[in-house]
Amino acid sequence: MNALCFLAAIGFGIALAGCSPRQEPSVPDPSTSDAAAADPGRQEAGALEGEWTTVSLTLAGESVDVSGATITFVGGRMIMKDPAGSTTTYRYRVDPTAKPRTLEMTETQDTNAPPRFAIYELEGENLRLGLGGEGKAPAEFGADGSRVFLLHRH
């Protein structure tokens, strides 16, 4: 899959970003460790921190080659790097109390763009993202042809 197709898949499936400019992202702050312990969103954002390599991407049930693509969560930002090396940065906010857990994503370049949502499942060094469209998260992974990323932390 070339870089343009990868970015198109990402753009249509998500616009992976975080909270809108009106909200602060769920980001761990070492100076407020007690507050972070009391806030599950901050704890979960901290658990996502790091660089994740894309193991697979499924679009509407079809496997797509994304060898070399990464997603990095750092300081309330999600940085996506496609296989060709182009990067796109988003802001994100997590809700680990939702069933399934959700990510709210807002485009950083177009702050007027409506938020998009994803569901996620974090198990150790593995992360599964089910990317929905504008306004709502998918009910389950792969529902309605949603994109499903499987990622592994470095």
C-alpha atoms as a PDB file:
ATOM      1  CA  MET A   1       0.000   0.000   0.000  1.00  0.00           C
ATOM      2  CA  ASN A   2       1.504   3.304  -0.954  1.00  0.00           C
ATOM      3  CA  ALA A   3       1.703   6.284   1.383  1.00  0.00           C
ATOM      4  CA  LEU A   4      -1.186   8.137  -0.254  1.00  0.00           C
ATOM      5  CA  CYS A   5      -3.531   5.153   0.120  1.00  0.00           C
ATOM      6  CA  PHE A   6      -2.431   4.739   3.728  1.00  0.00           C
ATOM      7  CA  LEU A   7      -3.153   8.377   4.532  1.00  0.00           C
ATOM      8  CA  ALA A   8      -6.498   8.186   2.714  1.00  0.00           C
ATOM      9  CA  ALA A   9      -7.430   5.097   4.725  1.00  0.00           C
ATOM     10  CA  ILE A  10      -6.513   6.897   7.899  1.00  0.00           C
ATOM     11  CA  GLY A  11      -8.229  10.140   6.915  1.00  0.00           C
ATOM     12  CA  PHE A  12     -11.501   8.477   5.999  1.00  0.00           C
ATOM     13  CA  GLY A  13     -11.445   6.170   8.975  1.00  0.00           C
ATOM     14  CA  ILE A  14     -10.400   8.611  11.576  1.00  0.00           C
ATOM     15  CA  ALA A  15      -8.562  11.873  11.462  1.00  0.00           C
ATOM     16  CA  LEU A  16      -6.892  10.424  14.517  1.00  0.00           C
ATOM     17  CA  ALA A  17      -6.670  13.193  16.977  1.00  0.00           C
ATOM     18  CA  GLY A  18      -7.612  14.071  20.407  1.00  0.00           C
ATOM     19  CA  CYS A  19      -9.751  16.394  22.193  1.00  0.00           C
ATOM     20  CA  SER A  20     -11.207  19.454  20.610  1.00  0.00           C
ATOM     21  CA  PRO A  21      -9.438  22.741  21.271  1.00  0.00           C
ATOM     22  CA  ARG A  22     -12.053  23.427  23.958  1.00  0.00           C
ATOM     23  CA  GLN A  23     -10.878  20.465  26.064  1.00  0.00           C
ATOM     24  CA  GLU A  24      -7.590  19.387  27.551  1.00  0.00           C
ATOM     25  CA  PRO A  25      -6.258  15.972  26.488  1.00  0.00           C
ATOM     26  CA  SER A  26      -6.018  13.090  28.928  1.00  0.00           C
ATOM     27  CA  VAL A  27      -2.262  13.158  29.431  1.00  0.00           C
ATOM     28  CA  PRO A  28      -0.295  11.993  32.419  1.00  0.00           C
ATOM     29  CA  ASP A  29       1.502  14.784  34.276  1.00  0.00           C
ATOM     30  CA  PRO A  30       4.283  13.594  36.547  1.00  0.00           C
ATOM     31  CA  SER A  31       3.786  16.595  38.837  1.00  0.00           C
ATOM     32  CA  THR A  32       0.225  15.457  39.600  1.00  0.00           C
ATOM     33  CA  SER A  33       0.737  11.766  40.240  1.00  0.00           C
ATOM     34  CA  ASP A  34      -2.002  11.687  42.906  1.00  0.00           C
ATOM     35  CA  ALA A  35      -4.470  13.300  40.488  1.00  0.00           C
ATOM     36  CA  ALA A  36      -3.416  10.864  37.767  1.00  0.00           C
ATOM     37  CA  ALA A  37      -4.048   7.934  40.082  1.00  0.00           C
ATOM     38  CA  ALA A  38      -7.572   9.218  40.707  1.00  0.00           C
ATOM     39  CA  ASP A  39      -8.301   9.844  37.005  1.00  0.00           C
ATOM     40  CA  PRO A  40      -8.644   6.637  34.949  1.00  0.00           C
ATOM     41  CA  GLY A  41      -8.410   8.661  31.705  1.00  0.00           C
ATOM     42  CA  ARG A  42      -4.978   9.941  32.658  1.00  0.00           C
ATOM     43  CA  GLN A  43      -3.850   6.477  33.705  1.00  0.00           C
ATOM     44  CA  GLU A  44      -5.026   4.990  30.427  1.00  0.00           C
ATOM     45  CA  ALA A  45      -3.430   7.769  28.352  1.00  0.00           C
ATOM     46  CA  GLY A  46      -0.198   6.994  30.173  1.00  0.00           C
ATOM     47  CA  ALA A  47      -0.575   3.297  29.340  1.00  0.00           C
ATOM     48  CA  LEU A  48      -0.881   4.185  25.632  1.00  0.00           C
ATOM     49  CA  GLU A  49       2.280   6.324  25.621  1.00  0.00           C
ATOM     50  CA  GLY A  50       5.006   5.065  23.308  1.00  0.00           C
ATOM     51  CA  GLU A  51       5.599   3.991  19.741  1.00  0.00           C
ATOM     52  CA  TRP A  52       3.363   1.301  18.261  1.00  0.00           C
ATOM     53  CA  THR A  53       4.149  -0.563  15.044  1.00  0.00           C
ATOM     54  CA  THR A  54       1.235  -1.464  12.815  1.00  0.00           C
ATOM     55  CA  VAL A  55       1.049  -5.248  12.549  1.00  0.00           C
ATOM     56  CA  SER A  56      -2.056  -5.292  10.351  1.00  0.00           C
ATOM     57  CA  LEU A  57      -4.894  -3.182   9.023  1.00  0.00           C
ATOM     58  CA  THR A  58      -8.249  -4.584   8.005  1.00  0.00           C
ATOM     59  CA  LEU A  59     -10.621  -2.463   5.900  1.00  0.00           C
ATOM     60  CA  ALA A  60     -14.142  -3.844   5.535  1.00  0.00           C
ATOM     61  CA  GLY A  61     -12.824  -7.331   6.210  1.00  0.00           C
ATOM     62  CA  GLU A  62      -9.934  -7.033   3.712  1.00  0.00           C
ATOM     63  CA  SER A  63      -6.314  -7.088   4.874  1.00  0.00           C
ATOM     64  CA  VAL A  64      -4.175  -4.128   3.760  1.00  0.00           C
ATOM     65  CA  ASP A  65      -0.360  -4.071   3.819  1.00  0.00           C
ATOM     66  CA  VAL A  66       0.915  -1.249   6.017  1.00  0.00           C
ATOM     67  CA  SER A  67       4.426  -2.534   6.723  1.00  0.00           C
ATOM     68  CA  GLY A  68       6.494   0.158   8.394  1.00  0.00           C
ATOM     69  CA  ALA A  69       3.601   2.310   9.613  1.00  0.00           C
ATOM     70  CA  THR A  70       3.667   3.486  13.229  1.00  0.00           C
ATOM     71  CA  ILE A  71       1.449   5.346  15.670  1.00  0.00           C
ATOM     72  CA  THR A  72       3.106   7.177  18.570  1.00  0.00           C
ATOM     73  CA  PHE A  73       1.201   8.460  21.593  1.00  0.00           C
ATOM     74  CA  VAL A  74       3.109  11.214  23.373  1.00  0.00           C
ATOM     75  CA  GLY A  75       1.981  14.180  25.467  1.00  0.00           C
ATOM     76  CA  GLY A  76      -1.668  14.102  24.368  1.00  0.00           C
ATOM     77  CA  ARG A  77      -0.730  13.775  20.725  1.00  0.00           C
ATOM     78  CA  MET A  78      -1.000  10.870  18.371  1.00  0.00           C
ATOM     79  CA  ILE A  79       1.592  10.901  15.594  1.00  0.00           C
ATOM     80  CA  MET A  80       0.914   8.629  12.654  1.00  0.00           C
ATOM     81  CA  LYS A  81       3.765   7.745  10.337  1.00  0.00           C
ATOM     82  CA  ASP A  82       2.893   6.013   7.080  1.00  0.00           C
ATOM     83  CA  PRO A  83       5.132   3.413   5.410  1.00  0.00           C
ATOM     84  CA  ALA A  84       6.743   6.123   3.214  1.00  0.00           C
ATOM     85  CA  GLY A  85       7.730   8.180   6.279  1.00  0.00           C
ATOM     86  CA  SER A  86       5.133  10.980   6.081  1.00  0.00           C
ATOM     87  CA  THR A  87       3.700  11.973   9.447  1.00  0.00           C
ATOM     88  CA  THR A  88       0.394  13.401  10.581  1.00  0.00           C
ATOM     89  CA  THR A  89      -0.215  14.613  14.136  1.00  0.00           C
ATOM     90  CA  TYR A  90      -3.511  14.532  16.007  1.00  0.00           C
ATOM     91  CA  ARG A  91      -4.722  15.206  19.549  1.00  0.00           C
ATOM     92  CA  TYR A  92      -6.627  12.549  21.450  1.00  0.00           C
ATOM     93  CA  ARG A  93      -8.641  11.887  24.584  1.00  0.00           C
ATOM     94  CA  VAL A  94      -9.486   8.490  26.039  1.00  0.00           C
ATOM     95  CA  ASP A  95     -12.505   7.176  27.923  1.00  0.00           C
ATOM     96  CA  PRO A  96     -11.467   3.907  29.559  1.00  0.00           C
ATOM     97  CA  THR A  97     -14.803   3.681  31.395  1.00  0.00           C
ATOM     98  CA  ALA A  98     -16.837   3.297  28.181  1.00  0.00           C
ATOM     99  CA  LYS A  99     -17.689  -0.228  27.035  1.00  0.00           C
ATOM    100  CA  PRO A 100     -15.831  -0.728  24.759  1.00  0.00           C
ATOM    101  CA  ARG A 101     -13.153   1.844  25.615  1.00  0.00           C
ATOM    102  CA  THR A 102     -13.124   4.871  23.297  1.00  0.00           C
ATOM    103  CA  LEU A 103     -10.714   7.395  21.826  1.00  0.00           C
ATOM    104  CA  GLU A 104     -11.997  10.825  20.791  1.00  0.00           C
ATOM    105  CA  MET A 105      -9.923  12.321  18.003  1.00  0.00           C
ATOM    106  CA  THR A 106      -9.874  15.863  16.636  1.00  0.00           C
ATOM    107  CA  GLU A 107      -7.775  16.962  13.717  1.00  0.00           C
ATOM    108  CA  THR A 108      -5.002  19.375  14.729  1.00  0.00           C
ATOM    109  CA  GLN A 109      -4.788  21.170  11.382  1.00  0.00           C
ATOM    110  CA  ASP A 110      -8.544  21.741  11.076  1.00  0.00           C
ATOM    111  CA  THR A 111      -9.821  22.495  14.568  1.00  0.00           C
ATOM    112  CA  ASN A 112     -13.341  22.995  13.176  1.00  0.00           C
ATOM    113  CA  ALA A 113     -13.499  19.418  11.905  1.00  0.00           C
ATOM    114  CA  PRO A 114     -15.986  17.327  13.891  1.00  0.00           C
ATOM    115  CA  PRO A 115     -14.466  14.794  16.254  1.00  0.00           C
ATOM    116  CA  ARG A 116     -14.152  11.186  15.208  1.00  0.00           C
ATOM    117  CA  PHE A 117     -14.138   8.206  17.480  1.00  0.00           C
ATOM    118  CA  ALA A 118     -12.515   4.818  17.793  1.00  0.00           C
ATOM    119  CA  ILE A 119     -12.787   1.906  20.145  1.00  0.00           C
ATOM    120  CA  TYR A 120      -9.673   0.305  21.499  1.00  0.00           C
ATOM    121  CA  GLU A 121      -8.453  -2.677  23.414  1.00  0.00           C
ATOM    122  CA  LEU A 122      -5.117  -2.581  25.218  1.00  0.00           C
ATOM    123  CA  GLU A 123      -3.568  -5.868  26.299  1.00  0.00           C
ATOM    124  CA  GLY A 124       0.037  -5.532  27.457  1.00  0.00           C
ATOM    125  CA  GLU A 125       2.149  -4.603  24.458  1.00  0.00           C
ATOM    126  CA  ASN A 126      -0.708  -5.079  21.961  1.00  0.00           C
ATOM    127  CA  LEU A 127      -3.270  -2.478  20.937  1.00  0.00           C
ATOM    128  CA  ARG A 128      -6.318  -2.928  18.731  1.00  0.00           C
ATOM    129  CA  LEU A 129      -8.033   0.171  17.304  1.00  0.00           C
ATOM    130  CA  GLY A 130     -11.439   0.060  15.627  1.00  0.00           C
ATOM    131  CA  LEU A 131     -11.846   3.343  13.781  1.00  0.00           C
ATOM    132  CA  GLY A 132     -15.276   4.850  13.332  1.00  0.00           C
ATOM    133  CA  GLY A 133     -16.498   7.905  11.524  1.00  0.00           C
ATOM    134  CA  GLU A 134     -17.680  11.287  12.651  1.00  0.00           C
ATOM    135  CA  GLY A 135     -19.861  11.463  15.706  1.00  0.00           C
ATOM    136  CA  LYS A 136     -19.761   7.932  17.082  1.00  0.00           C
ATOM    137  CA  ALA A 137     -17.514   4.989  17.758  1.00  0.00           C
ATOM    138  CA  PRO A 138     -18.184   1.606  16.195  1.00  0.00           C
ATOM    139  CA  ALA A 139     -20.180  -0.742  18.412  1.00  0.00           C
ATOM    140  CA  GLU A 140     -17.595  -3.497  17.936  1.00  0.00           C
ATOM    141  CA  PHE A 141     -14.360  -4.148  16.055  1.00  0.00           C
ATOM    142  CA  GLY A 142     -14.975  -4.391  12.314  1.00  0.00           C
ATOM    143  CA  ALA A 143     -18.633  -3.289  12.567  1.00  0.00           C
ATOM    144  CA  ASP A 144     -20.038  -1.565   9.494  1.00  0.00           C
ATOM    145  CA  GLY A 145     -16.776  -2.064   7.599  1.00  0.00           C
ATOM    146  CA  SER A 146     -14.759  -0.012  10.089  1.00  0.00           C
ATOM    147  CA  ARG A 147     -10.975  -0.062   9.934  1.00  0.00           C
ATOM    148  CA  VAL A 148      -9.239  -2.232  12.502  1.00  0.00           C
ATOM    149  CA  PHE A 149      -5.574  -1.690  13.300  1.00  0.00           C
ATOM    150  CA  LEU A 150      -3.541  -4.231  15.239  1.00  0.00           C
ATOM    151  CA  LEU A 151      -0.430  -2.628  16.755  1.00  0.00           C
ATOM    152  CA  HIS A 152       2.507  -3.778  18.867  1.00  0.00           C
ATOM    153  CA  ARG A 153       4.567  -1.540  21.150  1.00  0.00           C
ATOM    154  CA  HIS A 154       8.329  -1.370  20.530  1.00  0.00           C
END
